[in-house]
């Protein structure tokens, strides 16, 4: 079934969600095109995209959903090139280029994202990411870069020789939940609105 024939309703959303979960649990193997279709459908219909999440009511409007598909159909970027490789290979291949990097968050000794990563979204293995190797290579990278990371001691120590910015914003997802957990109470949060805990690390 092609993507334009999928109905943007709760029944279809539940079927696609179960297909994705079965694929990533290795209970089945989806054809690459079916996997791409399911991913796009789930990503665009989910609230705070993740196949453990729930459906957003916005895209139950079929015309809105079809308009989103038309944007894909009409997308044209002839100079765009997409590659898939490890960060080690990419940094070595483009030693003078500008990079924007958004690596997995450092989870060791962090309670900040417990219950969200790596179960949230697709099963990215955050705990196995080579944070030290990335820092080592970026210190030797000749070109500029912007790096986004969670705010923690390991990151601050690894990039202390670069410009570090502390942007501030509020997370709106789940903001209707007014209860506060133990970790947030212990660190002195004074209300239920979740604030940002990220850093931008810059080499100009």
N, C-alpha and C. Protein backbone atom coordinates (compact mmCIF):
# COMPACT_ATOMS: atom_id res chain seq x y z
N UNK A 1 0.84 -1.20 0.00
CA UNK A 1 0.00 0.00 0.00
C UNK A 1 0.88 1.25 0.00
N UNK A 2 0.63 2.17 -0.95
CA UNK A 2 1.43 3.38 -1.02
C UNK A 2 0.96 4.39 0.02
N UNK A 3 1.82 5.36 0.32
CA UNK A 3 1.56 6.24 1.46
C UNK A 3 0.32 7.12 1.27
N UNK A 4 0.03 7.53 0.04
CA UNK A 4 -1.12 8.41 -0.17
C UNK A 4 -2.44 7.69 0.03
N UNK A 5 -2.41 6.35 0.06
CA UNK A 5 -3.65 5.60 0.28
C UNK A 5 -3.89 5.29 1.76
N UNK A 6 -2.93 5.63 2.61
CA UNK A 6 -3.12 5.43 4.05
C UNK A 6 -4.05 6.49 4.60
N UNK A 7 -5.04 6.07 5.35
CA UNK A 7 -5.98 7.02 5.95
C UNK A 7 -5.40 7.56 7.25
N UNK A 8 -5.37 8.88 7.41
CA UNK A 8 -4.82 9.46 8.65
C UNK A 8 -5.83 9.39 9.79
N UNK A 9 -6.03 8.18 10.31
CA UNK A 9 -6.96 8.00 11.42
C UNK A 9 -6.32 7.11 12.48
N UNK A 10 -6.99 6.97 13.60
CA UNK A 10 -6.43 6.25 14.74
C UNK A 10 -6.20 4.77 14.41
N UNK A 11 -7.09 4.17 13.65
CA UNK A 11 -6.95 2.76 13.30
C UNK A 11 -5.68 2.51 12.49
N UNK A 12 -5.47 3.30 11.45
CA UNK A 12 -4.26 3.15 10.63
C UNK A 12 -3.01 3.47 11.44
N UNK A 13 -3.09 4.51 12.26
CA UNK A 13 -1.95 4.90 13.09
C UNK A 13 -1.53 3.74 13.99
N UNK A 14 -2.49 3.05 14.59
CA UNK A 14 -2.19 1.93 15.49
C UNK A 14 -1.54 0.78 14.73
N UNK A 15 -2.02 0.50 13.52
CA UNK A 15 -1.45 -0.57 12.70
C UNK A 15 0.01 -0.26 12.35
N UNK A 16 0.26 0.96 11.90
CA UNK A 16 1.62 1.37 11.52
C UNK A 16 2.54 1.33 12.73
N UNK A 17 2.05 1.79 13.86
CA UNK A 17 2.84 1.79 15.09
C UNK A 17 3.26 0.37 15.47
N UNK A 18 2.34 -0.58 15.36
CA UNK A 18 2.66 -1.97 15.68
C UNK A 18 3.65 -2.56 14.68
N UNK A 19 3.53 -2.19 13.41
CA UNK A 19 4.50 -2.66 12.41
C UNK A 19 5.91 -2.19 12.75
N UNK A 20 6.03 -0.92 13.11
CA UNK A 20 7.34 -0.37 13.45
C UNK A 20 7.92 -1.04 14.70
N UNK A 21 7.10 -1.23 15.71
CA UNK A 21 7.57 -1.86 16.94
C UNK A 21 8.04 -3.28 16.66
N UNK A 22 7.28 -4.01 15.83
CA UNK A 22 7.66 -5.39 15.50
C UNK A 22 8.98 -5.42 14.73
N UNK A 23 9.17 -4.46 13.82
CA UNK A 23 10.41 -4.40 13.05
C UNK A 23 11.61 -4.16 13.96
N UNK A 24 11.49 -3.18 14.86
CA UNK A 24 12.64 -2.84 15.70
C UNK A 24 12.87 -3.82 16.84
N UNK A 25 11.89 -4.67 17.11
CA UNK A 25 12.09 -5.76 18.06
C UNK A 25 12.56 -7.02 17.34
N UNK A 26 12.75 -6.90 16.00
CA UNK A 26 13.21 -7.99 15.14
C UNK A 26 12.22 -9.15 15.10
N UNK A 27 10.95 -8.84 15.30
CA UNK A 27 9.90 -9.84 15.16
C UNK A 27 9.52 -10.02 13.70
N UNK A 28 9.88 -9.05 12.86
CA UNK A 28 9.67 -9.14 11.42
C UNK A 28 10.68 -8.22 10.75
N UNK A 29 10.81 -8.34 9.44
CA UNK A 29 11.70 -7.46 8.69
C UNK A 29 10.88 -6.79 7.60
N UNK A 30 10.74 -5.48 7.71
CA UNK A 30 9.96 -4.73 6.72
C UNK A 30 10.81 -4.40 5.50
N UNK A 31 10.19 -4.45 4.34
CA UNK A 31 10.83 -3.99 3.12
C UNK A 31 11.26 -2.53 3.31
N UNK A 32 12.43 -2.13 2.79
CA UNK A 32 12.91 -0.75 3.01
C UNK A 32 11.90 0.33 2.62
N UNK A 33 11.17 0.12 1.52
CA UNK A 33 10.18 1.12 1.11
C UNK A 33 8.99 1.16 2.08
N UNK A 34 8.58 -0.01 2.56
CA UNK A 34 7.49 -0.05 3.55
C UNK A 34 7.94 0.59 4.84
N UNK A 35 9.20 0.34 5.22
CA UNK A 35 9.74 0.94 6.44
C UNK A 35 9.78 2.46 6.33
N UNK A 36 10.21 2.96 5.17
CA UNK A 36 10.24 4.41 4.95
C UNK A 36 8.83 4.99 5.00
N UNK A 37 7.88 4.30 4.38
CA UNK A 37 6.48 4.75 4.41
C UNK A 37 5.96 4.82 5.85
N UNK A 38 6.18 3.74 6.60
CA UNK A 38 5.70 3.69 7.98
C UNK A 38 6.35 4.76 8.84
N UNK A 39 7.65 4.96 8.63
CA UNK A 39 8.36 5.97 9.42
C UNK A 39 7.78 7.36 9.15
N UNK A 40 7.59 7.69 7.87
CA UNK A 40 7.06 9.02 7.53
C UNK A 40 5.66 9.20 8.11
N UNK A 41 4.82 8.21 7.93
CA UNK A 41 3.44 8.29 8.43
C UNK A 41 3.42 8.48 9.94
N UNK A 42 4.19 7.66 10.64
CA UNK A 42 4.22 7.74 12.11
C UNK A 42 4.82 9.06 12.59
N UNK A 43 5.92 9.46 11.98
CA UNK A 43 6.62 10.68 12.39
C UNK A 43 5.71 11.90 12.25
N UNK A 44 4.98 11.96 11.15
CA UNK A 44 4.17 13.15 10.88
C UNK A 44 2.83 13.15 11.60
N UNK A 45 2.38 11.99 12.05
CA UNK A 45 1.10 11.95 12.75
C UNK A 45 1.25 11.85 14.27
N UNK A 46 2.49 11.70 14.74
CA UNK A 46 2.71 11.54 16.18
C UNK A 46 2.87 12.89 16.87
N UNK A 47 2.42 12.95 18.10
CA UNK A 47 2.65 14.12 18.93
C UNK A 47 4.00 13.94 19.61
N UNK A 48 4.96 14.81 19.30
CA UNK A 48 6.30 14.62 19.83
C UNK A 48 6.85 13.32 19.28
N UNK A 49 7.20 13.25 17.98
CA UNK A 49 7.36 12.03 17.21
C UNK A 49 8.12 10.93 17.92
N UNK A 50 7.48 9.79 18.02
CA UNK A 50 8.07 8.61 18.61
C UNK A 50 7.04 7.51 18.56
N UNK A 51 7.42 6.28 18.21
CA UNK A 51 6.40 5.26 18.04
C UNK A 51 5.90 4.72 19.38
N UNK A 52 6.40 5.27 20.48
CA UNK A 52 5.80 4.96 21.78
C UNK A 52 4.85 6.08 22.20
N UNK A 53 4.65 7.04 21.31
CA UNK A 53 3.82 8.18 21.63
C UNK A 53 2.36 7.97 21.26
N UNK A 54 1.71 9.05 20.86
CA UNK A 54 0.30 8.98 20.53
C UNK A 54 0.04 9.88 19.32
N UNK A 55 -1.15 9.71 18.74
CA UNK A 55 -1.46 10.41 17.51
C UNK A 55 -1.85 11.87 17.77
N UNK A 56 -1.35 12.75 16.92
CA UNK A 56 -1.73 14.16 16.99
C UNK A 56 -3.04 14.37 16.23
N UNK A 57 -3.96 15.10 16.83
CA UNK A 57 -5.26 15.33 16.20
C UNK A 57 -5.15 16.26 14.98
N UNK A 58 -4.07 17.01 14.90
CA UNK A 58 -3.93 17.97 13.80
C UNK A 58 -4.04 17.29 12.45
N UNK A 59 -3.39 16.11 12.30
CA UNK A 59 -3.34 15.47 10.99
C UNK A 59 -4.46 14.46 10.77
N UNK A 60 -5.46 14.45 11.66
CA UNK A 60 -6.66 13.68 11.33
C UNK A 60 -7.46 14.41 10.24
N UNK A 61 -7.11 15.66 10.00
CA UNK A 61 -7.65 16.41 8.87
C UNK A 61 -6.97 15.88 7.60
N UNK A 62 -7.72 15.13 6.79
CA UNK A 62 -7.13 14.44 5.65
C UNK A 62 -6.49 15.41 4.66
N UNK A 63 -7.10 16.58 4.45
CA UNK A 63 -6.55 17.53 3.50
C UNK A 63 -5.19 18.04 3.97
N UNK A 64 -5.06 18.27 5.27
CA UNK A 64 -3.77 18.71 5.82
C UNK A 64 -2.71 17.63 5.59
N UNK A 65 -3.10 16.38 5.79
CA UNK A 65 -2.18 15.26 5.57
C UNK A 65 -1.78 15.18 4.10
N UNK A 66 -2.74 15.30 3.19
CA UNK A 66 -2.44 15.24 1.76
C UNK A 66 -1.56 16.41 1.32
N UNK A 67 -1.77 17.57 1.92
CA UNK A 67 -0.92 18.72 1.61
C UNK A 67 0.53 18.45 1.99
N UNK A 68 0.72 17.75 3.12
CA UNK A 68 2.08 17.39 3.55
C UNK A 68 2.72 16.44 2.54
N UNK A 69 1.93 15.51 2.00
CA UNK A 69 2.46 14.58 1.00
C UNK A 69 2.83 15.30 -0.29
N UNK A 70 2.05 16.31 -0.66
CA UNK A 70 2.35 17.06 -1.88
C UNK A 70 3.69 17.79 -1.77
N UNK A 71 4.04 18.21 -0.56
CA UNK A 71 5.33 18.88 -0.37
C UNK A 71 6.48 17.92 -0.67
N UNK A 72 6.29 16.65 -0.33
CA UNK A 72 7.32 15.65 -0.65
C UNK A 72 7.38 15.46 -2.17
N UNK A 73 6.22 15.32 -2.77
CA UNK A 73 6.15 15.09 -4.22
C UNK A 73 6.83 16.21 -5.00
N UNK A 74 6.66 17.43 -4.53
CA UNK A 74 7.19 18.59 -5.24
C UNK A 74 8.59 19.01 -4.79
N UNK A 75 9.14 18.28 -3.82
CA UNK A 75 10.45 18.66 -3.28
C UNK A 75 11.53 18.48 -4.35
N UNK A 76 12.35 19.51 -4.52
CA UNK A 76 13.41 19.46 -5.53
C UNK A 76 14.64 20.18 -5.01
N UNK A 77 15.69 19.43 -4.76
CA UNK A 77 16.95 20.03 -4.29
C UNK A 77 18.09 19.35 -5.02
N UNK A 78 18.35 19.75 -6.26
CA UNK A 78 19.33 19.04 -7.10
C UNK A 78 20.75 19.06 -6.56
N UNK A 79 21.07 20.04 -5.73
CA UNK A 79 22.44 20.11 -5.20
C UNK A 79 22.59 19.38 -3.87
N UNK A 80 21.48 18.85 -3.35
CA UNK A 80 21.52 18.16 -2.06
C UNK A 80 22.08 16.75 -2.23
N UNK A 81 23.01 16.40 -1.37
CA UNK A 81 23.59 15.06 -1.39
C UNK A 81 23.50 14.47 0.01
N UNK A 82 22.96 13.28 0.12
CA UNK A 82 22.78 12.62 1.42
C UNK A 82 23.66 11.38 1.46
N UNK A 83 24.46 11.26 2.50
CA UNK A 83 25.32 10.09 2.68
C UNK A 83 25.07 9.50 4.07
N UNK A 84 25.43 8.26 4.24
CA UNK A 84 25.30 7.59 5.53
C UNK A 84 26.66 7.01 5.91
N UNK A 85 27.20 7.48 7.02
CA UNK A 85 28.52 7.03 7.45
C UNK A 85 28.71 7.35 8.92
N UNK A 86 29.78 6.87 9.51
CA UNK A 86 30.09 7.18 10.90
C UNK A 86 30.68 8.58 10.99
N UNK A 87 30.59 9.19 12.17
CA UNK A 87 31.15 10.54 12.31
C UNK A 87 32.66 10.53 12.11
N UNK A 88 33.32 9.42 12.47
CA UNK A 88 34.77 9.34 12.27
C UNK A 88 35.13 9.47 10.80
N UNK A 89 34.41 8.73 9.95
CA UNK A 89 34.70 8.76 8.52
C UNK A 89 34.36 10.12 7.91
N UNK A 90 33.26 10.71 8.35
CA UNK A 90 32.83 12.00 7.79
C UNK A 90 33.81 13.11 8.15
N UNK A 91 34.24 13.16 9.41
CA UNK A 91 35.17 14.21 9.84
C UNK A 91 36.51 14.09 9.12
N UNK A 92 36.94 12.86 8.87
CA UNK A 92 38.20 12.65 8.15
C UNK A 92 38.06 13.01 6.67
N UNK A 93 36.88 12.77 6.11
CA UNK A 93 36.67 13.02 4.68
C UNK A 93 36.52 14.51 4.37
N UNK A 94 36.05 15.29 5.35
CA UNK A 94 35.80 16.72 5.12
C UNK A 94 36.49 17.55 6.21
N UNK A 95 37.81 17.58 6.22
CA UNK A 95 38.56 18.20 7.33
C UNK A 95 38.42 19.71 7.43
N UNK A 96 38.00 20.37 6.36
CA UNK A 96 37.93 21.84 6.37
C UNK A 96 36.50 22.38 6.34
N UNK A 97 35.53 21.48 6.32
CA UNK A 97 34.14 21.90 6.14
C UNK A 97 33.49 22.32 7.46
N UNK A 98 32.42 23.14 7.33
CA UNK A 98 31.60 23.49 8.49
C UNK A 98 30.68 22.32 8.82
N UNK A 99 30.55 22.03 10.12
CA UNK A 99 29.66 20.96 10.56
C UNK A 99 28.68 21.47 11.61
N UNK A 100 27.44 21.01 11.51
CA UNK A 100 26.52 21.09 12.65
C UNK A 100 26.37 19.67 13.15
N UNK A 101 26.64 19.45 14.43
CA UNK A 101 26.62 18.11 15.00
C UNK A 101 25.63 18.06 16.16
N UNK A 102 24.83 17.00 16.18
CA UNK A 102 23.84 16.80 17.25
C UNK A 102 23.94 15.36 17.72
N UNK A 103 25.00 15.03 18.46
CA UNK A 103 25.22 13.64 18.87
C UNK A 103 24.23 13.20 19.94
N UNK A 104 24.15 11.89 20.20
CA UNK A 104 23.34 11.41 21.32
C UNK A 104 23.79 12.07 22.62
N UNK A 105 22.86 12.27 23.53
CA UNK A 105 23.20 12.89 24.81
C UNK A 105 24.03 11.94 25.67
N UNK A 106 24.84 12.54 26.53
CA UNK A 106 25.60 11.77 27.52
C UNK A 106 24.62 11.35 28.60
N UNK A 107 24.43 10.04 28.77
CA UNK A 107 23.43 9.56 29.73
C UNK A 107 24.05 9.05 31.02
N UNK A 108 25.35 8.83 31.03
CA UNK A 108 25.99 8.29 32.23
C UNK A 108 25.79 9.24 33.41
N UNK A 109 25.27 8.69 34.51
CA UNK A 109 25.01 9.44 35.74
C UNK A 109 24.00 10.57 35.55
N UNK A 110 23.22 10.51 34.49
CA UNK A 110 22.22 11.55 34.25
C UNK A 110 20.83 11.00 34.50
N UNK A 111 20.04 11.74 35.28
CA UNK A 111 18.65 11.37 35.52
C UNK A 111 17.70 12.18 34.63
N UNK A 112 18.30 13.09 33.86
CA UNK A 112 17.51 14.04 33.10
C UNK A 112 16.59 13.39 32.07
N UNK A 113 17.09 12.36 31.40
CA UNK A 113 16.33 11.78 30.31
C UNK A 113 15.89 10.34 30.60
N UNK A 114 15.92 9.96 31.88
CA UNK A 114 15.50 8.61 32.23
C UNK A 114 14.04 8.44 31.85
N UNK A 115 13.73 7.32 31.23
CA UNK A 115 12.37 7.10 30.79
C UNK A 115 12.09 7.62 29.40
N UNK A 116 13.00 8.41 28.84
CA UNK A 116 12.81 8.94 27.49
C UNK A 116 13.80 8.30 26.52
N UNK A 117 15.09 8.31 26.86
CA UNK A 117 16.11 7.71 26.01
C UNK A 117 16.62 6.46 26.69
N UNK A 118 16.94 5.39 25.94
CA UNK A 118 16.81 5.26 24.49
C UNK A 118 15.47 4.69 24.06
N UNK A 119 14.50 4.54 25.00
CA UNK A 119 13.23 3.96 24.62
C UNK A 119 12.41 4.88 23.74
N UNK A 120 12.61 6.19 23.91
CA UNK A 120 11.84 7.16 23.14
C UNK A 120 12.34 7.17 21.69
N UNK A 121 11.46 7.42 20.77
CA UNK A 121 11.79 7.40 19.35
C UNK A 121 12.33 6.03 18.94
N UNK A 122 13.14 6.00 17.92
CA UNK A 122 13.66 4.72 17.48
C UNK A 122 14.86 4.34 18.33
N UNK A 123 15.12 3.03 18.42
CA UNK A 123 16.10 2.56 19.40
C UNK A 123 17.53 2.95 19.05
N UNK A 124 17.88 4.18 19.37
CA UNK A 124 19.24 4.68 19.20
C UNK A 124 20.03 4.28 20.43
N UNK A 125 21.20 3.69 20.25
CA UNK A 125 21.95 3.18 21.39
C UNK A 125 22.85 4.27 21.96
N UNK A 126 22.26 5.16 22.71
CA UNK A 126 22.98 6.31 23.25
C UNK A 126 24.18 5.90 24.09
N UNK A 127 24.02 4.86 24.90
CA UNK A 127 25.08 4.51 25.84
C UNK A 127 26.36 4.03 25.15
N UNK A 128 26.28 3.62 23.90
CA UNK A 128 27.47 3.13 23.21
C UNK A 128 28.16 4.19 22.36
N UNK A 129 27.67 5.43 22.42
CA UNK A 129 28.26 6.46 21.56
C UNK A 129 29.64 6.86 22.06
N UNK A 130 30.57 7.13 21.12
CA UNK A 130 31.96 7.43 21.47
C UNK A 130 32.15 8.93 21.70
N UNK A 131 31.69 9.42 22.83
CA UNK A 131 31.76 10.86 23.12
C UNK A 131 33.21 11.36 23.16
N UNK A 132 34.09 10.58 23.77
CA UNK A 132 35.49 11.01 23.88
C UNK A 132 36.17 11.07 22.52
N UNK A 133 35.84 10.11 21.65
CA UNK A 133 36.43 10.10 20.30
C UNK A 133 35.96 11.32 19.52
N UNK A 134 34.68 11.66 19.63
CA UNK A 134 34.16 12.83 18.94
C UNK A 134 34.88 14.09 19.41
N UNK A 135 35.04 14.25 20.71
CA UNK A 135 35.72 15.43 21.25
C UNK A 135 37.16 15.50 20.75
N UNK A 136 37.84 14.37 20.74
CA UNK A 136 39.23 14.31 20.28
C UNK A 136 39.33 14.75 18.82
N UNK A 137 38.42 14.28 17.98
CA UNK A 137 38.48 14.61 16.56
C UNK A 137 38.09 16.07 16.30
N UNK A 138 37.12 16.57 17.05
CA UNK A 138 36.71 17.96 16.83
C UNK A 138 37.78 18.95 17.26
N UNK A 139 38.58 18.58 18.25
CA UNK A 139 39.68 19.46 18.66
C UNK A 139 40.71 19.61 17.55
N UNK A 140 40.75 18.63 16.65
CA UNK A 140 41.71 18.65 15.55
C UNK A 140 41.08 19.03 14.22
N UNK A 141 39.79 19.26 14.23
CA UNK A 141 39.09 19.62 13.00
C UNK A 141 39.46 21.05 12.59
N UNK A 142 39.84 21.23 11.34
CA UNK A 142 40.32 22.54 10.87
C UNK A 142 39.18 23.52 10.58
N UNK A 143 38.03 23.01 10.21
CA UNK A 143 36.90 23.87 9.87
C UNK A 143 36.09 24.26 11.10
N UNK A 144 35.12 25.18 10.92
CA UNK A 144 34.25 25.58 12.03
C UNK A 144 33.17 24.53 12.29
N UNK A 145 32.55 24.61 13.45
CA UNK A 145 31.43 23.71 13.74
C UNK A 145 30.54 24.31 14.83
N UNK A 146 29.32 23.83 14.86
CA UNK A 146 28.38 24.07 15.97
C UNK A 146 27.94 22.71 16.47
N UNK A 147 28.03 22.53 17.77
CA UNK A 147 27.74 21.24 18.39
C UNK A 147 26.68 21.44 19.47
N UNK A 148 25.59 20.69 19.41
CA UNK A 148 24.56 20.77 20.46
C UNK A 148 24.65 19.53 21.34
N UNK A 149 24.61 19.77 22.65
CA UNK A 149 24.80 18.69 23.63
C UNK A 149 23.96 18.97 24.86
N UNK A 150 23.76 17.93 25.68
CA UNK A 150 23.15 18.19 26.98
C UNK A 150 24.21 18.73 27.94
N UNK A 151 23.77 19.54 28.88
CA UNK A 151 24.67 20.21 29.82
C UNK A 151 25.07 19.23 30.92
N UNK A 152 26.34 18.82 30.90
CA UNK A 152 26.84 17.92 31.94
C UNK A 152 28.35 18.13 32.08
N UNK A 153 28.90 17.59 33.14
CA UNK A 153 30.31 17.82 33.45
C UNK A 153 31.23 17.28 32.36
N UNK A 154 30.92 16.09 31.84
CA UNK A 154 31.77 15.49 30.81
C UNK A 154 31.87 16.40 29.59
N UNK A 155 30.74 16.93 29.15
CA UNK A 155 30.72 17.78 27.96
C UNK A 155 31.45 19.09 28.22
N UNK A 156 31.20 19.71 29.37
CA UNK A 156 31.86 20.98 29.68
C UNK A 156 33.38 20.82 29.77
N UNK A 157 33.83 19.72 30.34
CA UNK A 157 35.27 19.48 30.44
C UNK A 157 35.89 19.21 29.07
N UNK A 158 35.20 18.42 28.27
CA UNK A 158 35.74 18.03 26.96
C UNK A 158 35.86 19.22 26.01
N UNK A 159 34.97 20.21 26.16
CA UNK A 159 34.94 21.34 25.21
C UNK A 159 35.21 22.68 25.88
N UNK A 160 35.96 22.65 26.97
CA UNK A 160 36.20 23.87 27.74
C UNK A 160 37.00 24.92 26.97
N UNK A 161 37.71 24.51 25.93
CA UNK A 161 38.53 25.46 25.15
C UNK A 161 37.74 26.12 24.01
N UNK A 162 36.46 25.77 23.88
CA UNK A 162 35.62 26.36 22.83
C UNK A 162 34.59 27.30 23.45
N UNK A 163 33.97 28.09 22.61
CA UNK A 163 32.88 28.96 23.09
C UNK A 163 31.67 28.09 23.44
N UNK A 164 31.14 28.27 24.65
CA UNK A 164 29.98 27.51 25.10
C UNK A 164 28.84 28.47 25.40
N UNK A 165 27.72 28.29 24.72
CA UNK A 165 26.53 29.10 24.94
C UNK A 165 25.48 28.27 25.67
N UNK A 166 24.66 28.95 26.46
CA UNK A 166 23.60 28.29 27.23
C UNK A 166 22.24 28.84 26.80
N UNK A 167 21.69 28.37 25.69
CA UNK A 167 20.39 28.86 25.23
C UNK A 167 19.29 28.47 26.20
N UNK A 168 18.23 29.25 26.21
CA UNK A 168 17.13 28.99 27.14
C UNK A 168 15.81 28.92 26.39
N UNK A 169 15.04 27.88 26.66
CA UNK A 169 13.69 27.76 26.11
C UNK A 169 12.88 26.85 27.02
N UNK A 170 11.60 26.72 26.73
CA UNK A 170 10.73 25.84 27.49
C UNK A 170 10.26 24.70 26.60
N UNK A 171 10.18 23.48 27.19
CA UNK A 171 9.62 22.35 26.47
C UNK A 171 8.10 22.40 26.60
N UNK A 172 7.40 22.48 25.47
CA UNK A 172 5.95 22.55 25.53
C UNK A 172 5.30 21.17 25.56
N UNK A 173 6.02 20.14 25.08
CA UNK A 173 5.44 18.80 25.11
C UNK A 173 5.23 18.36 26.55
N UNK A 174 4.02 17.96 26.89
CA UNK A 174 3.73 17.51 28.24
C UNK A 174 3.56 18.62 29.24
N UNK A 175 3.44 19.86 28.76
CA UNK A 175 3.36 20.98 29.69
C UNK A 175 2.05 20.99 30.46
N UNK A 176 1.06 20.26 29.95
CA UNK A 176 -0.21 20.15 30.67
C UNK A 176 -0.10 19.31 31.93
N UNK A 177 0.99 18.53 32.04
CA UNK A 177 1.21 17.72 33.24
C UNK A 177 1.81 18.61 34.32
N UNK A 178 1.06 18.85 35.38
CA UNK A 178 1.50 19.80 36.42
C UNK A 178 2.20 19.13 37.59
N UNK A 179 2.20 17.80 37.63
CA UNK A 179 2.91 17.13 38.72
C UNK A 179 4.42 17.24 38.51
N UNK A 180 5.16 17.22 39.61
CA UNK A 180 6.62 17.29 39.53
C UNK A 180 7.22 16.05 40.16
N UNK A 181 8.20 15.45 39.46
CA UNK A 181 8.85 14.25 39.95
C UNK A 181 9.89 14.53 41.02
N UNK A 182 10.36 13.46 41.63
CA UNK A 182 11.33 13.54 42.72
C UNK A 182 12.60 14.26 42.31
N UNK A 183 13.15 13.91 41.14
CA UNK A 183 14.42 14.51 40.70
C UNK A 183 14.31 16.02 40.55
N UNK A 184 13.20 16.48 39.99
CA UNK A 184 13.04 17.92 39.79
C UNK A 184 12.82 18.65 41.11
N UNK A 185 12.13 18.02 42.03
CA UNK A 185 11.95 18.64 43.35
C UNK A 185 13.27 18.75 44.08
N UNK A 186 14.10 17.69 43.97
CA UNK A 186 15.39 17.69 44.69
C UNK A 186 16.36 18.72 44.13
N UNK A 187 16.26 19.03 42.83
CA UNK A 187 17.19 20.01 42.28
C UNK A 187 16.64 21.44 42.38
N UNK A 188 15.45 21.59 42.97
CA UNK A 188 14.95 22.93 43.29
C UNK A 188 14.10 23.58 42.23
N UNK A 189 13.57 22.81 41.27
CA UNK A 189 12.66 23.41 40.28
C UNK A 189 11.46 24.00 41.00
N UNK A 190 11.06 25.21 40.62
CA UNK A 190 9.97 25.86 41.34
C UNK A 190 8.62 25.81 40.63
N UNK A 191 8.56 25.20 39.44
CA UNK A 191 7.25 24.97 38.81
C UNK A 191 7.36 23.81 37.83
N UNK A 192 6.21 23.42 37.26
CA UNK A 192 6.16 22.21 36.44
C UNK A 192 6.67 22.40 35.02
N UNK A 193 6.89 23.64 34.58
CA UNK A 193 7.33 23.88 33.20
C UNK A 193 8.79 23.46 33.05
N UNK A 194 9.05 22.59 32.08
CA UNK A 194 10.40 22.05 31.90
C UNK A 194 11.27 23.02 31.10
N UNK A 195 12.42 23.36 31.66
CA UNK A 195 13.34 24.28 31.02
C UNK A 195 14.42 23.51 30.26
N UNK A 196 15.09 24.21 29.37
CA UNK A 196 16.15 23.59 28.57
C UNK A 196 17.37 23.27 29.42
N UNK A 197 18.08 22.23 29.01
CA UNK A 197 19.33 21.84 29.68
C UNK A 197 20.37 21.50 28.62
N UNK A 198 20.42 22.30 27.57
CA UNK A 198 21.34 22.04 26.48
C UNK A 198 22.40 23.12 26.34
N UNK A 199 23.48 22.75 25.66
CA UNK A 199 24.57 23.68 25.38
C UNK A 199 24.79 23.75 23.87
N UNK A 200 25.25 24.90 23.41
CA UNK A 200 25.76 25.03 22.05
C UNK A 200 27.25 25.30 22.15
N UNK A 201 28.05 24.48 21.51
CA UNK A 201 29.50 24.60 21.54
C UNK A 201 29.95 25.02 20.15
N UNK A 202 30.73 26.09 20.08
CA UNK A 202 31.01 26.72 18.79
C UNK A 202 32.51 26.88 18.55
N UNK A 203 32.92 26.51 17.34
CA UNK A 203 34.25 26.86 16.85
C UNK A 203 34.05 27.72 15.61
N UNK A 204 34.56 28.94 15.64
CA UNK A 204 34.34 29.87 14.53
C UNK A 204 35.49 29.82 13.52
